[in-house]
Protein backbone atom coordinates (compact mmCIF):
# COMPACT_ATOMS: atom_id res chain seq x y z
CA MET A 1 -28.11 -34.25 27.04
CA ALA A 2 -26.46 -32.01 29.63
CA THR A 3 -24.81 -28.85 28.38
CA ASP A 4 -21.27 -29.99 29.33
CA GLN A 5 -21.83 -33.42 27.69
CA ARG A 6 -23.16 -32.37 24.31
CA LYS A 7 -20.88 -32.55 21.31
CA PRO A 8 -19.27 -29.25 20.29
CA LEU A 9 -20.61 -27.76 17.03
CA PRO A 10 -18.32 -27.91 13.99
CA PHE A 11 -16.18 -24.89 13.18
CA VAL A 12 -18.46 -23.62 10.37
CA TYR A 13 -21.40 -23.18 12.74
CA ASN A 14 -19.39 -21.03 15.15
CA PHE A 15 -18.14 -19.05 12.14
CA VAL A 16 -21.68 -18.35 10.78
CA ALA A 17 -23.03 -17.49 14.24
CA GLY A 18 -20.25 -14.95 14.75
CA ALA A 19 -20.96 -13.46 11.33
CA ILE A 20 -24.65 -12.96 12.06
CA ALA A 21 -23.86 -11.44 15.44
CA GLY A 22 -21.27 -9.05 13.95
CA VAL A 23 -23.63 -7.64 11.31
CA SER A 24 -26.37 -7.17 13.93
CA GLU A 25 -23.96 -5.22 16.16
CA ILE A 26 -22.48 -2.93 13.50
CA LEU A 27 -25.84 -1.88 12.10
CA THR A 28 -26.98 -0.93 15.59
CA PHE A 29 -23.95 1.00 16.88
CA TYR A 30 -21.96 2.32 13.83
CA PRO A 31 -22.51 6.10 14.34
CA LEU A 32 -20.72 5.82 17.69
CA ASP A 33 -17.72 4.34 15.91
CA VAL A 34 -17.54 7.35 13.57
CA VAL A 35 -17.60 9.79 16.50
CA LYS A 36 -15.01 7.70 18.35
CA THR A 37 -12.61 7.82 15.42
CA ARG A 38 -13.00 11.59 14.98
CA MET A 39 -12.24 12.17 18.65
CA GLN A 40 -9.16 9.96 18.46
CA LEU A 41 -7.82 11.70 15.35
CA ASP A 42 -8.25 15.13 16.94
CA THR A 43 -4.97 16.22 18.57
CA GLY A 44 -6.55 19.35 20.07
CA LYS A 45 -9.12 19.85 22.83
CA SER A 46 -11.89 17.28 22.59
CA GLN A 47 -15.45 18.51 21.88
CA GLY A 48 -16.84 15.56 23.82
CA LEU A 49 -19.42 13.03 22.67
CA VAL A 50 -22.40 15.34 22.27
CA GLY A 51 -20.28 18.15 20.77
CA SER A 52 -18.76 15.79 18.22
CA PHE A 53 -22.18 14.49 17.19
CA ARG A 54 -23.52 18.02 16.79
CA SER A 55 -20.46 19.18 14.87
CA ILE A 56 -20.60 16.30 12.38
CA ILE A 57 -24.34 16.69 11.77
CA ALA A 58 -24.21 20.49 11.53
CA GLN A 59 -21.15 20.70 9.28
CA GLU A 60 -21.39 17.56 7.19
CA GLY A 61 -24.95 16.29 7.49
CA PHE A 62 -26.52 13.29 9.22
CA GLY A 63 -25.38 10.91 6.47
CA ARG A 64 -21.76 11.44 7.52
CA LEU A 65 -22.44 9.37 10.61
CA TYR A 66 -22.61 6.39 8.27
CA ARG A 67 -19.59 7.41 6.20
CA GLY A 68 -17.30 4.41 5.76
CA LEU A 69 -20.03 1.90 6.69
CA VAL A 70 -19.41 -0.42 3.73
CA PRO A 71 -15.90 -1.64 4.80
CA PRO A 72 -16.85 -2.48 8.39
CA LEU A 73 -20.15 -3.98 7.23
CA LEU A 74 -18.22 -6.22 4.81
CA LEU A 75 -15.71 -6.79 7.61
CA GLU A 76 -18.08 -7.61 10.43
CA ALA A 77 -19.04 -11.03 9.08
CA PRO A 78 -15.48 -12.38 8.73
CA LYS A 79 -14.23 -10.35 11.72
CA ARG A 80 -16.77 -11.49 14.31
CA ALA A 81 -16.94 -14.94 12.74
CA THR A 82 -13.18 -15.22 13.12
CA LYS A 83 -13.42 -13.92 16.72
CA PHE A 84 -15.83 -16.56 17.94
CA ALA A 85 -14.56 -19.40 15.75
CA ALA A 86 -10.97 -18.68 16.80
CA ASN A 87 -12.02 -18.48 20.43
CA ASP A 88 -13.64 -21.88 20.09
CA PHE A 89 -10.55 -23.28 18.30
CA TRP A 90 -8.03 -21.91 20.78
CA GLY A 91 -10.16 -22.93 23.72
CA LYS A 92 -10.09 -26.57 22.59
CA THR A 93 -6.38 -26.32 21.75
CA PHE A 94 -5.43 -24.94 25.19
CA LEU A 95 -7.61 -27.50 26.97
CA ASP A 96 -5.86 -30.30 25.07
CA PHE A 97 -2.42 -28.74 25.66
CA THR A 98 -2.84 -28.27 29.42
CA GLY A 99 -4.83 -31.46 30.04
CA GLU A 100 -7.61 -29.48 31.75
CA ARG A 101 -11.11 -30.90 31.41
CA LYS A 102 -12.94 -27.59 31.89
CA MET A 103 -12.22 -23.99 31.06
CA THR A 104 -10.59 -21.93 33.81
CA GLN A 105 -10.26 -18.17 34.26
CA GLN A 106 -6.59 -18.22 33.16
CA LEU A 107 -7.38 -20.36 30.10
CA SER A 108 -10.32 -18.14 29.12
CA ILE A 109 -8.02 -15.09 29.13
CA MET A 110 -5.32 -16.91 27.14
CA THR A 111 -7.97 -18.16 24.70
CA GLY A 112 -9.37 -14.65 24.25
CA CYS A 113 -5.92 -13.15 23.67
CA ALA A 114 -5.11 -15.82 21.08
CA ALA A 115 -8.45 -15.27 19.34
CA GLY A 116 -7.79 -11.51 19.27
CA ALA A 117 -4.37 -12.04 17.76
CA THR A 118 -5.91 -14.28 15.06
CA GLU A 119 -8.68 -11.77 14.37
CA SER A 120 -6.26 -8.88 13.97
CA PHE A 121 -4.76 -10.33 10.79
CA VAL A 122 -8.20 -10.39 9.15
CA VAL A 123 -9.31 -6.85 10.04
CA VAL A 124 -6.35 -4.58 9.24
CA PRO A 125 -7.15 -3.65 5.59
CA PHE A 126 -10.80 -3.06 6.43
CA GLU A 127 -9.93 -0.95 9.47
CA LEU A 128 -7.48 1.10 7.40
CA VAL A 129 -10.09 1.86 4.72
CA LYS A 130 -12.66 2.72 7.39
CA ILE A 131 -10.31 5.18 9.19
CA LYS A 132 -9.44 6.90 5.92
CA LEU A 133 -13.13 7.37 5.11
CA GLN A 134 -14.13 8.50 8.61
CA ASP A 135 -11.42 11.19 8.80
CA LYS A 136 -12.96 14.69 8.58
CA SER A 137 -10.41 15.73 5.97
CA SER A 138 -11.10 12.67 3.81
CA THR A 139 -11.55 13.38 0.07
CA PHE A 140 -11.85 9.77 -1.04
CA ALA A 141 -14.85 8.92 -3.19
CA GLY A 142 -15.39 5.62 -1.49
CA PRO A 143 -13.83 2.34 -0.35
CA MET A 144 -12.44 1.37 -3.76
CA ASP A 145 -10.87 4.80 -4.18
CA VAL A 146 -9.08 4.29 -0.83
CA LEU A 147 -7.85 0.84 -1.85
CA LYS A 148 -6.59 1.97 -5.25
CA THR A 149 -4.81 4.97 -3.76
CA ILE A 150 -3.06 2.95 -1.01
CA VAL A 151 -1.97 0.17 -3.37
CA ARG A 152 -0.71 2.68 -5.95
CA LYS A 153 1.34 4.61 -3.38
CA ASP A 154 2.48 1.93 -0.97
CA GLY A 155 1.83 -1.41 -2.68
CA LEU A 156 -0.24 -4.28 -1.29
CA LEU A 157 1.69 -4.20 1.99
CA GLY A 158 0.36 -0.65 2.47
CA LEU A 159 -3.00 -2.22 3.27
CA TYR A 160 -1.43 -3.57 6.45
CA ALA A 161 -0.37 -0.20 7.84
CA GLY A 162 -1.03 -0.29 11.58
CA MET A 163 -0.84 -4.11 11.79
CA GLU A 164 1.18 -4.08 15.02
CA SER A 165 -1.15 -1.63 16.82
CA THR A 166 -4.21 -3.53 15.54
CA PHE A 167 -2.66 -6.75 16.89
CA TRP A 168 -2.40 -5.23 20.41
CA ARG A 169 -5.84 -3.64 20.20
CA HIS A 170 -7.52 -7.00 19.52
CA PHE A 171 -5.20 -8.98 21.79
CA TRP A 172 -6.18 -6.96 24.87
CA TRP A 173 -9.85 -6.50 23.98
CA ASN A 174 -10.53 -10.16 23.41
CA GLY A 175 -8.57 -11.22 26.47
CA GLY A 176 -10.62 -8.83 28.62
CA TYR A 177 -13.88 -9.72 26.86
CA PHE A 178 -13.79 -13.50 27.03
CA GLY A 179 -12.01 -13.55 30.43
CA SER A 180 -14.70 -11.34 31.92
CA ILE A 181 -17.51 -13.39 30.38
CA PHE A 182 -16.11 -16.47 32.08
CA GLN A 183 -15.77 -14.68 35.45
CA VAL A 184 -19.20 -12.99 35.40
CA LYS A 185 -21.00 -16.20 34.36
CA SER A 186 -19.30 -18.05 37.21
CA LEU A 187 -20.68 -15.48 39.67
CA LEU A 188 -24.25 -15.46 38.28
CA PRO A 189 -26.89 -18.05 39.31
CA LYS A 190 -27.04 -20.97 36.88
CA PRO A 191 -29.77 -20.36 34.33
CA THR A 192 -32.89 -22.41 34.80
CA ASP A 193 -34.73 -21.29 31.68
CA LYS A 194 -34.12 -19.50 28.35
CA GLY A 195 -34.98 -16.11 29.86
CA THR A 196 -32.32 -16.25 32.59
CA GLU A 197 -29.80 -17.71 30.12
CA MET A 198 -30.33 -14.74 27.81
CA ARG A 199 -30.04 -12.35 30.71
CA ASN A 200 -26.76 -13.96 31.82
CA ASN A 201 -25.38 -13.77 28.27
CA LEU A 202 -26.37 -10.13 27.89
CA LEU A 203 -24.96 -9.13 31.29
CA SER A 204 -21.70 -11.05 30.98
CA GLY A 205 -21.16 -9.87 27.40
CA THR A 206 -21.81 -6.25 28.39
CA VAL A 207 -19.32 -6.45 31.27
CA GLY A 208 -16.84 -8.16 28.96
CA GLY A 209 -17.25 -5.34 26.41
CA LEU A 210 -16.65 -2.75 29.14
CA VAL A 211 -13.49 -4.42 30.47
CA GLY A 212 -12.13 -5.09 26.95
CA THR A 213 -12.72 -1.40 26.03
CA ILE A 214 -10.93 -0.16 29.14
CA LEU A 215 -7.92 -2.33 28.35
CA ASN A 216 -7.64 -1.61 24.62
CA THR A 217 -8.63 2.04 24.13
CA PRO A 218 -5.02 3.40 24.32
CA PHE A 219 -4.04 0.96 21.56
CA ASP A 220 -7.10 1.98 19.55
CA VAL A 221 -6.07 5.65 19.77
CA VAL A 222 -2.57 4.73 18.57
CA LYS A 223 -4.04 2.62 15.72
CA SER A 224 -6.24 5.48 14.57
CA ARG A 225 -3.30 7.87 14.54
CA ILE A 226 -1.09 5.44 12.60
CA GLN A 227 -3.75 4.55 10.03
CA GLY A 228 -5.05 8.11 9.74
CA ALA A 229 -1.61 9.56 8.92
CA THR A 230 -0.44 10.38 5.39
CA ASN A 231 3.00 8.94 4.61
CA VAL A 232 5.50 11.49 3.30
CA PRO A 233 8.52 10.01 1.46
CA GLY A 234 11.75 10.57 3.40
CA VAL A 235 9.95 11.70 6.56
CA ALA A 236 9.71 9.34 9.51
CA PRO A 237 6.11 8.97 10.72
CA LYS A 238 5.39 10.52 14.11
CA TYR A 239 3.43 7.43 15.23
CA ASN A 240 4.80 4.07 14.23
CA TRP A 241 5.09 1.38 16.93
CA SER A 242 2.37 1.09 19.61
CA TYR A 243 4.26 1.41 22.87
CA PRO A 244 6.53 4.27 21.85
CA ALA A 245 3.47 6.01 20.38
CA LEU A 246 1.66 5.65 23.71
CA VAL A 247 4.55 7.46 25.39
CA THR A 248 4.56 10.23 22.75
CA ILE A 249 0.83 10.87 23.04
CA MET A 250 1.00 10.84 26.85
CA ARG A 251 3.96 13.24 26.87
CA GLU A 252 2.50 15.72 24.36
CA GLU A 253 -1.22 15.55 25.19
CA GLY A 254 -1.38 14.08 28.70
CA PRO A 255 -2.49 10.66 29.94
CA ALA A 256 -6.18 11.45 29.29
CA ALA A 257 -5.43 11.61 25.53
CA LEU A 258 -4.96 7.83 25.61
CA TYR A 259 -8.64 7.55 26.29
CA LYS A 260 -9.89 9.90 23.59
CA GLY A 261 -13.12 8.54 22.15
CA PHE A 262 -13.62 6.28 25.17
CA ILE A 263 -17.24 7.36 25.85
CA PRO A 264 -18.62 6.61 22.36
CA LYS A 265 -16.43 3.52 22.19
CA VAL A 266 -17.68 2.07 25.47
CA LEU A 267 -21.27 3.09 24.65
CA ARG A 268 -20.90 0.95 21.55
CA LEU A 269 -18.79 -1.96 22.73
CA ALA A 270 -20.22 -2.54 26.22
CA PRO A 271 -23.82 -3.12 25.08
CA GLY A 272 -22.41 -4.26 21.74
CA GLY A 273 -20.48 -6.97 23.52
CA GLY A 274 -23.71 -8.07 25.18
CA VAL A 275 -25.56 -8.09 21.84
CA LEU A 276 -22.72 -10.11 20.24
CA LEU A 277 -22.81 -12.82 22.86
CA LEU A 278 -26.59 -12.89 22.97
CA VAL A 279 -26.92 -13.29 19.17
CA VAL A 280 -24.09 -15.85 18.97
CA GLU A 281 -25.56 -18.05 21.70
CA PHE A 282 -29.07 -17.71 20.28
CA THR A 283 -27.85 -18.67 16.74
CA LEU A 284 -25.77 -21.59 18.03
CA GLU A 285 -28.82 -22.88 19.91
CA VAL A 286 -30.84 -22.73 16.68
CA PHE A 287 -28.14 -24.75 14.94
CA ARG A 288 -28.08 -27.31 17.79
CA LYS A 289 -31.83 -27.83 17.53
CA ALA A 290 -31.61 -28.16 13.77
CA LEU A 291 -28.80 -30.74 14.00
CA GLY A 292 -30.36 -32.60 16.94
CA PRO A 293 -28.46 -35.16 19.13
CA PRO A 294 -25.62 -35.35 19.98
CA TYR A 295 -25.34 -31.53 19.71
CA MET A 296 -28.39 -30.77 21.91
């Protein structure tokens, strides 16, 4: 059966494929995420990628590069699963709504943005715990200590600190990611075998990760600042809403501060985006073969 004629896989298969891809990506690139967060939380002069790595290892030991791994590891399965399953859901929804028979560039961007918005609601508590543990000044014993402290001080809603900035971070990243994948694949030669199909997935996913990272890094910086702050009763937080916070950071630290942590972030999410798409497509193909026609 031709690729465009085969029956779409049920939701659960897209969900599981995304989960497998997410765990694969986080285990490979996590230390870069720790360095990225440190650079974003630092309001002074940046040490740069290599300097940050050296500083963390020299002062805190190599194991600190995996500090806070448990929350994102637990998160990656539902997070990435939600990303790809939501992208599949919104893609079908927008196609039905517009009456289009095939995905277009505009629809792929809209689909990605909607998937990112959906994903953001899942990730906020996990991201909050991760940021608290990755902070250099963190004294928390572990993930459960962070959760208990936040709930005791701020209630259950405290776990959703930074929700608005997380929403924009995922909205723009997914729009750039899935929109770029569509565009790059349309420019590449049609795959004639599994090798060229894997190459196309890796290349388009990597470009998508790069574009998504360029678009969303300023919102990621704001999110890190909001979630890394300690709330003081009666004192208005310095960083609260995303767009005003962008202006504050730019005014006080210069435009370049909006891209703090960009190098480790892009080194993770550009190839990481390629790995994600590669593993997702490979896993979905395994499911199609197992289910047989009409999914083949």
